[in-house]
Amino acid sequence: MKLVSAIIKPFKLDDVREALSEIGVQGITVTEVKGFGRQKGHTELYRGAEYVVDFLPKVKVEVAISDDVVDQTIEAISKAANTGKIGDGKIFVAPLEQTVRIRTGETGDEAI
C-alpha cells in the first residue's frame, strides 16, 4: 500500500477528483495548505501598495491506494493538475505500513 500526497493549485481540485474517480480511487482527503517552492511567492499590488505574498494557497490531496494502481494514480493526478505554468505542484509517494477501517476492523487493502 502507498500514500500518495499531491500539492496542487486550488482551482484544479475538481479536475483531480474526477480523474481519480475515473480510475476507481474511492476516497481522498483534501486539506487547504499554504507554501512555496521554486517560485518563492510573488508580489501583488493592493490599493496602490506593493506587497510580497510569501506563502501561496495550495490544496493537499491525499490518497491511500494499493501498490498495483500507483502509476495510474500518479498519471491521473499529473494530467488533471497540469497547467504548464510554474507552481503546478508536486506528488509524493510514501509506503503505508498499515491501514485499519475503524468501523469493521478490516486491515490492509480491504480497509482501503
N, C-alpha and C. Protein backbone atom coordinates (compact mmCIF):
# COMPACT_ATOMS: atom_id res chain seq x y z
N MET A 1 0.84 -1.18 0.00
CA MET A 1 0.00 0.00 0.00
C MET A 1 0.88 1.24 0.00
N LYS A 2 0.35 2.30 -0.60
CA LYS A 2 1.07 3.56 -0.68
C LYS A 2 0.15 4.71 -0.29
N LEU A 3 0.77 5.78 0.21
CA LEU A 3 0.07 7.03 0.46
C LEU A 3 0.59 8.04 -0.55
N VAL A 4 -0.28 8.48 -1.44
CA VAL A 4 0.08 9.46 -2.45
C VAL A 4 -0.44 10.81 -1.98
N SER A 5 0.48 11.77 -1.85
CA SER A 5 0.14 13.14 -1.45
C SER A 5 0.49 14.06 -2.60
N ALA A 6 -0.45 14.89 -2.99
CA ALA A 6 -0.21 15.83 -4.08
C ALA A 6 -0.54 17.23 -3.60
N ILE A 7 0.37 18.16 -3.88
CA ILE A 7 0.14 19.58 -3.60
C ILE A 7 -0.20 20.21 -4.94
N ILE A 8 -1.41 20.76 -5.07
CA ILE A 8 -1.87 21.28 -6.35
C ILE A 8 -2.47 22.68 -6.19
N LYS A 9 -2.74 23.32 -7.32
CA LYS A 9 -3.42 24.61 -7.32
C LYS A 9 -4.89 24.38 -6.95
N PRO A 10 -5.46 25.26 -6.13
CA PRO A 10 -6.84 25.04 -5.65
C PRO A 10 -7.89 24.88 -6.75
N PHE A 11 -7.77 25.61 -7.84
CA PHE A 11 -8.80 25.54 -8.88
C PHE A 11 -8.74 24.25 -9.69
N LYS A 12 -7.69 23.42 -9.48
CA LYS A 12 -7.58 22.13 -10.17
C LYS A 12 -8.14 20.97 -9.35
N LEU A 13 -8.67 21.25 -8.16
CA LEU A 13 -9.14 20.19 -7.27
C LEU A 13 -10.25 19.35 -7.90
N ASP A 14 -11.24 19.98 -8.51
CA ASP A 14 -12.35 19.22 -9.11
C ASP A 14 -11.86 18.33 -10.24
N ASP A 15 -10.91 18.83 -11.05
CA ASP A 15 -10.36 18.03 -12.15
C ASP A 15 -9.63 16.80 -11.60
N VAL A 16 -8.86 16.99 -10.53
CA VAL A 16 -8.12 15.88 -9.92
C VAL A 16 -9.09 14.88 -9.31
N ARG A 17 -10.11 15.36 -8.62
CA ARG A 17 -11.10 14.47 -8.01
C ARG A 17 -11.79 13.62 -9.07
N GLU A 18 -12.18 14.24 -10.18
CA GLU A 18 -12.84 13.49 -11.26
C GLU A 18 -11.90 12.48 -11.89
N ALA A 19 -10.63 12.85 -12.09
CA ALA A 19 -9.66 11.94 -12.69
C ALA A 19 -9.42 10.73 -11.79
N LEU A 20 -9.35 10.95 -10.49
CA LEU A 20 -9.16 9.83 -9.56
C LEU A 20 -10.40 8.94 -9.51
N SER A 21 -11.55 9.54 -9.57
CA SER A 21 -12.80 8.78 -9.57
C SER A 21 -12.89 7.89 -10.80
N GLU A 22 -12.43 8.40 -11.95
CA GLU A 22 -12.48 7.63 -13.20
C GLU A 22 -11.61 6.38 -13.16
N ILE A 23 -10.52 6.41 -12.39
CA ILE A 23 -9.65 5.22 -12.32
C ILE A 23 -10.01 4.32 -11.14
N GLY A 24 -11.08 4.68 -10.41
CA GLY A 24 -11.57 3.81 -9.36
C GLY A 24 -11.08 4.11 -7.96
N VAL A 25 -10.41 5.24 -7.76
CA VAL A 25 -9.99 5.61 -6.41
C VAL A 25 -11.24 6.04 -5.65
N GLN A 26 -11.47 5.43 -4.49
CA GLN A 26 -12.73 5.64 -3.80
C GLN A 26 -12.73 6.74 -2.76
N GLY A 27 -11.60 7.05 -2.16
CA GLY A 27 -11.60 8.06 -1.11
C GLY A 27 -10.38 8.94 -1.17
N ILE A 28 -10.58 10.22 -0.91
CA ILE A 28 -9.46 11.15 -0.85
C ILE A 28 -9.64 12.06 0.37
N THR A 29 -8.55 12.60 0.83
CA THR A 29 -8.57 13.60 1.89
C THR A 29 -8.00 14.89 1.31
N VAL A 30 -8.69 16.00 1.54
CA VAL A 30 -8.26 17.28 0.99
C VAL A 30 -8.04 18.26 2.13
N THR A 31 -6.90 18.96 2.08
CA THR A 31 -6.55 19.95 3.09
C THR A 31 -6.11 21.23 2.39
N GLU A 32 -6.60 22.36 2.86
CA GLU A 32 -6.12 23.65 2.35
C GLU A 32 -4.80 23.96 3.05
N VAL A 33 -3.77 24.21 2.25
CA VAL A 33 -2.44 24.48 2.80
C VAL A 33 -1.87 25.73 2.14
N LYS A 34 -0.76 26.22 2.69
CA LYS A 34 -0.03 27.33 2.09
C LYS A 34 1.43 26.96 2.03
N GLY A 35 2.12 27.44 1.01
CA GLY A 35 3.54 27.14 0.90
C GLY A 35 4.13 27.77 -0.35
N PHE A 36 5.39 27.46 -0.58
CA PHE A 36 6.05 27.92 -1.80
C PHE A 36 7.13 26.93 -2.19
N GLY A 37 7.45 26.94 -3.46
CA GLY A 37 8.51 26.10 -3.99
C GLY A 37 9.55 26.99 -4.64
N ARG A 38 9.90 26.67 -5.86
CA ARG A 38 10.89 27.46 -6.58
C ARG A 38 10.43 28.88 -6.84
N GLN A 39 9.13 29.08 -6.96
CA GLN A 39 8.63 30.41 -7.30
C GLN A 39 8.78 31.40 -6.14
N LYS A 40 8.93 30.89 -4.93
CA LYS A 40 9.18 31.70 -3.73
C LYS A 40 8.21 32.86 -3.57
N GLY A 41 6.95 32.63 -3.84
CA GLY A 41 5.93 33.66 -3.69
C GLY A 41 5.97 34.66 -4.83
N HIS A 42 5.27 35.76 -4.67
CA HIS A 42 5.24 36.79 -5.69
C HIS A 42 4.79 38.11 -5.07
N THR A 43 4.92 39.18 -5.85
CA THR A 43 4.46 40.48 -5.36
C THR A 43 3.10 40.80 -5.96
N GLU A 44 2.26 41.47 -5.18
CA GLU A 44 0.95 41.89 -5.66
C GLU A 44 0.75 43.36 -5.35
N LEU A 45 -0.17 43.97 -6.07
CA LEU A 45 -0.49 45.37 -5.87
C LEU A 45 -1.88 45.47 -5.26
N TYR A 46 -2.00 46.14 -4.11
CA TYR A 46 -3.28 46.29 -3.45
C TYR A 46 -3.45 47.75 -3.05
N ARG A 47 -4.43 48.41 -3.62
CA ARG A 47 -4.70 49.82 -3.34
C ARG A 47 -3.45 50.68 -3.47
N GLY A 48 -2.70 50.42 -4.52
CA GLY A 48 -1.52 51.22 -4.81
C GLY A 48 -0.27 50.82 -4.05
N ALA A 49 -0.39 49.92 -3.10
CA ALA A 49 0.78 49.48 -2.33
C ALA A 49 1.20 48.09 -2.79
N GLU A 50 2.50 47.92 -2.97
CA GLU A 50 3.03 46.63 -3.38
C GLU A 50 3.42 45.83 -2.14
N TYR A 51 3.04 44.56 -2.12
CA TYR A 51 3.42 43.70 -1.00
C TYR A 51 3.77 42.31 -1.51
N VAL A 52 4.53 41.59 -0.71
CA VAL A 52 5.02 40.27 -1.09
C VAL A 52 4.13 39.20 -0.47
N VAL A 53 3.69 38.26 -1.30
CA VAL A 53 2.94 37.10 -0.83
C VAL A 53 3.94 35.95 -0.76
N ASP A 54 4.38 35.61 0.47
CA ASP A 54 5.39 34.57 0.64
C ASP A 54 4.81 33.17 0.50
N PHE A 55 3.65 32.95 1.11
CA PHE A 55 3.05 31.62 1.09
C PHE A 55 1.81 31.65 0.21
N LEU A 56 1.83 30.82 -0.82
CA LEU A 56 0.74 30.77 -1.78
C LEU A 56 -0.29 29.72 -1.36
N PRO A 57 -1.57 29.99 -1.59
CA PRO A 57 -2.59 29.00 -1.24
C PRO A 57 -2.52 27.79 -2.18
N LYS A 58 -2.52 26.60 -1.60
CA LYS A 58 -2.50 25.35 -2.35
C LYS A 58 -3.50 24.39 -1.71
N VAL A 59 -3.68 23.25 -2.34
CA VAL A 59 -4.53 22.19 -1.81
C VAL A 59 -3.70 20.92 -1.76
N LYS A 60 -3.78 20.22 -0.64
CA LYS A 60 -3.09 18.94 -0.50
C LYS A 60 -4.12 17.82 -0.60
N VAL A 61 -3.91 16.93 -1.55
CA VAL A 61 -4.80 15.79 -1.76
C VAL A 61 -4.04 14.53 -1.34
N GLU A 62 -4.63 13.75 -0.46
CA GLU A 62 -4.01 12.51 0.00
C GLU A 62 -4.89 11.33 -0.36
N VAL A 63 -4.24 10.27 -0.88
CA VAL A 63 -4.96 9.08 -1.32
C VAL A 63 -4.20 7.85 -0.85
N ALA A 64 -4.88 6.95 -0.16
CA ALA A 64 -4.30 5.66 0.21
C ALA A 64 -4.74 4.66 -0.84
N ILE A 65 -3.74 3.99 -1.46
CA ILE A 65 -4.05 3.10 -2.59
C ILE A 65 -3.24 1.80 -2.50
N SER A 66 -3.66 0.82 -3.28
CA SER A 66 -2.92 -0.43 -3.40
C SER A 66 -1.71 -0.21 -4.29
N ASP A 67 -0.70 -1.04 -4.11
CA ASP A 67 0.53 -0.90 -4.89
C ASP A 67 0.31 -1.00 -6.40
N ASP A 68 -0.70 -1.77 -6.81
CA ASP A 68 -0.89 -2.02 -8.24
C ASP A 68 -1.50 -0.83 -9.01
N VAL A 69 -1.97 0.20 -8.32
CA VAL A 69 -2.54 1.35 -9.03
C VAL A 69 -1.76 2.65 -8.81
N VAL A 70 -0.53 2.53 -8.29
CA VAL A 70 0.28 3.71 -8.02
C VAL A 70 0.55 4.51 -9.29
N ASP A 71 1.01 3.84 -10.33
CA ASP A 71 1.35 4.54 -11.58
C ASP A 71 0.13 5.21 -12.20
N GLN A 72 -1.02 4.52 -12.20
CA GLN A 72 -2.25 5.10 -12.72
C GLN A 72 -2.65 6.35 -11.93
N THR A 73 -2.50 6.28 -10.63
CA THR A 73 -2.87 7.40 -9.77
C THR A 73 -1.98 8.61 -10.03
N ILE A 74 -0.68 8.38 -10.11
CA ILE A 74 0.26 9.47 -10.38
C ILE A 74 -0.04 10.11 -11.73
N GLU A 75 -0.29 9.28 -12.73
CA GLU A 75 -0.58 9.79 -14.06
C GLU A 75 -1.88 10.60 -14.08
N ALA A 76 -2.91 10.11 -13.40
CA ALA A 76 -4.20 10.80 -13.36
C ALA A 76 -4.05 12.17 -12.69
N ILE A 77 -3.35 12.23 -11.56
CA ILE A 77 -3.15 13.49 -10.87
C ILE A 77 -2.32 14.44 -11.72
N SER A 78 -1.24 13.94 -12.31
CA SER A 78 -0.36 14.77 -13.13
C SER A 78 -1.10 15.42 -14.29
N LYS A 79 -1.88 14.62 -15.00
CA LYS A 79 -2.61 15.15 -16.15
C LYS A 79 -3.69 16.15 -15.73
N ALA A 80 -4.41 15.84 -14.66
CA ALA A 80 -5.51 16.69 -14.23
C ALA A 80 -5.04 18.00 -13.61
N ALA A 81 -3.88 18.00 -12.95
CA ALA A 81 -3.40 19.18 -12.24
C ALA A 81 -2.49 20.06 -13.09
N ASN A 82 -2.11 19.59 -14.27
CA ASN A 82 -1.14 20.30 -15.09
C ASN A 82 -1.74 21.52 -15.79
N THR A 83 -1.11 22.68 -15.59
CA THR A 83 -1.47 23.89 -16.34
C THR A 83 -0.34 24.30 -17.25
N GLY A 84 0.85 23.73 -17.03
CA GLY A 84 2.02 24.09 -17.82
C GLY A 84 2.73 25.33 -17.29
N LYS A 85 2.25 25.85 -16.17
CA LYS A 85 2.86 27.05 -15.61
C LYS A 85 3.53 26.72 -14.28
N ILE A 86 4.39 27.62 -13.84
CA ILE A 86 5.10 27.42 -12.58
C ILE A 86 4.10 27.33 -11.43
N GLY A 87 4.41 26.47 -10.46
CA GLY A 87 3.53 26.33 -9.30
C GLY A 87 2.46 25.28 -9.44
N ASP A 88 2.56 24.39 -10.45
CA ASP A 88 1.57 23.33 -10.63
C ASP A 88 1.57 22.35 -9.46
N GLY A 89 2.69 22.19 -8.76
CA GLY A 89 2.72 21.36 -7.56
C GLY A 89 3.65 20.18 -7.65
N LYS A 90 3.50 19.31 -6.67
CA LYS A 90 4.34 18.12 -6.56
C LYS A 90 3.49 16.93 -6.11
N ILE A 91 4.00 15.73 -6.41
CA ILE A 91 3.36 14.49 -5.95
C ILE A 91 4.40 13.71 -5.16
N PHE A 92 4.01 13.26 -3.97
CA PHE A 92 4.89 12.47 -3.12
C PHE A 92 4.25 11.10 -2.91
N VAL A 93 5.07 10.05 -2.95
CA VAL A 93 4.58 8.69 -2.73
C VAL A 93 5.36 8.10 -1.55
N ALA A 94 4.63 7.63 -0.54
CA ALA A 94 5.26 7.06 0.65
C ALA A 94 4.64 5.70 0.95
N PRO A 95 5.45 4.79 1.48
CA PRO A 95 4.89 3.48 1.86
C PRO A 95 3.90 3.64 3.01
N LEU A 96 2.89 2.81 2.99
CA LEU A 96 1.86 2.82 4.03
C LEU A 96 1.96 1.50 4.78
N GLU A 97 2.41 1.57 6.02
CA GLU A 97 2.66 0.37 6.81
C GLU A 97 1.40 -0.43 7.09
N GLN A 98 0.35 0.25 7.56
CA GLN A 98 -0.85 -0.46 7.96
C GLN A 98 -2.06 0.45 7.80
N THR A 99 -3.19 -0.15 7.45
CA THR A 99 -4.44 0.58 7.35
C THR A 99 -5.51 -0.22 8.09
N VAL A 100 -6.32 0.47 8.88
CA VAL A 100 -7.39 -0.19 9.63
C VAL A 100 -8.68 0.60 9.43
N ARG A 101 -9.74 -0.07 9.01
CA ARG A 101 -11.06 0.55 8.94
C ARG A 101 -11.67 0.47 10.33
N ILE A 102 -11.92 1.59 10.94
CA ILE A 102 -12.37 1.64 12.33
C ILE A 102 -13.71 0.91 12.51
N ARG A 103 -14.65 1.13 11.60
CA ARG A 103 -16.00 0.56 11.77
C ARG A 103 -16.00 -0.96 11.79
N THR A 104 -15.24 -1.58 10.86
CA THR A 104 -15.31 -3.04 10.72
C THR A 104 -14.09 -3.78 11.25
N GLY A 105 -13.00 -3.05 11.46
CA GLY A 105 -11.77 -3.71 11.89
C GLY A 105 -10.97 -4.30 10.75
N GLU A 106 -11.43 -4.12 9.51
CA GLU A 106 -10.68 -4.63 8.35
C GLU A 106 -9.30 -3.98 8.32
N THR A 107 -8.31 -4.72 7.80
CA THR A 107 -6.95 -4.20 7.72
C THR A 107 -6.40 -4.38 6.30
N GLY A 108 -5.31 -3.68 6.03
CA GLY A 108 -4.62 -3.81 4.75
C GLY A 108 -5.44 -3.28 3.60
N ASP A 109 -5.32 -3.94 2.44
CA ASP A 109 -6.03 -3.49 1.22
C ASP A 109 -7.53 -3.50 1.39
N GLU A 110 -8.06 -4.39 2.21
CA GLU A 110 -9.52 -4.43 2.42
C GLU A 110 -10.02 -3.14 3.09
N ALA A 111 -9.17 -2.50 3.87
CA ALA A 111 -9.55 -1.28 4.59
C ALA A 111 -9.53 -0.06 3.69
N ILE A 112 -8.88 -0.17 2.55
CA ILE A 112 -8.82 0.95 1.61
C ILE A 112 -10.11 0.98 0.84
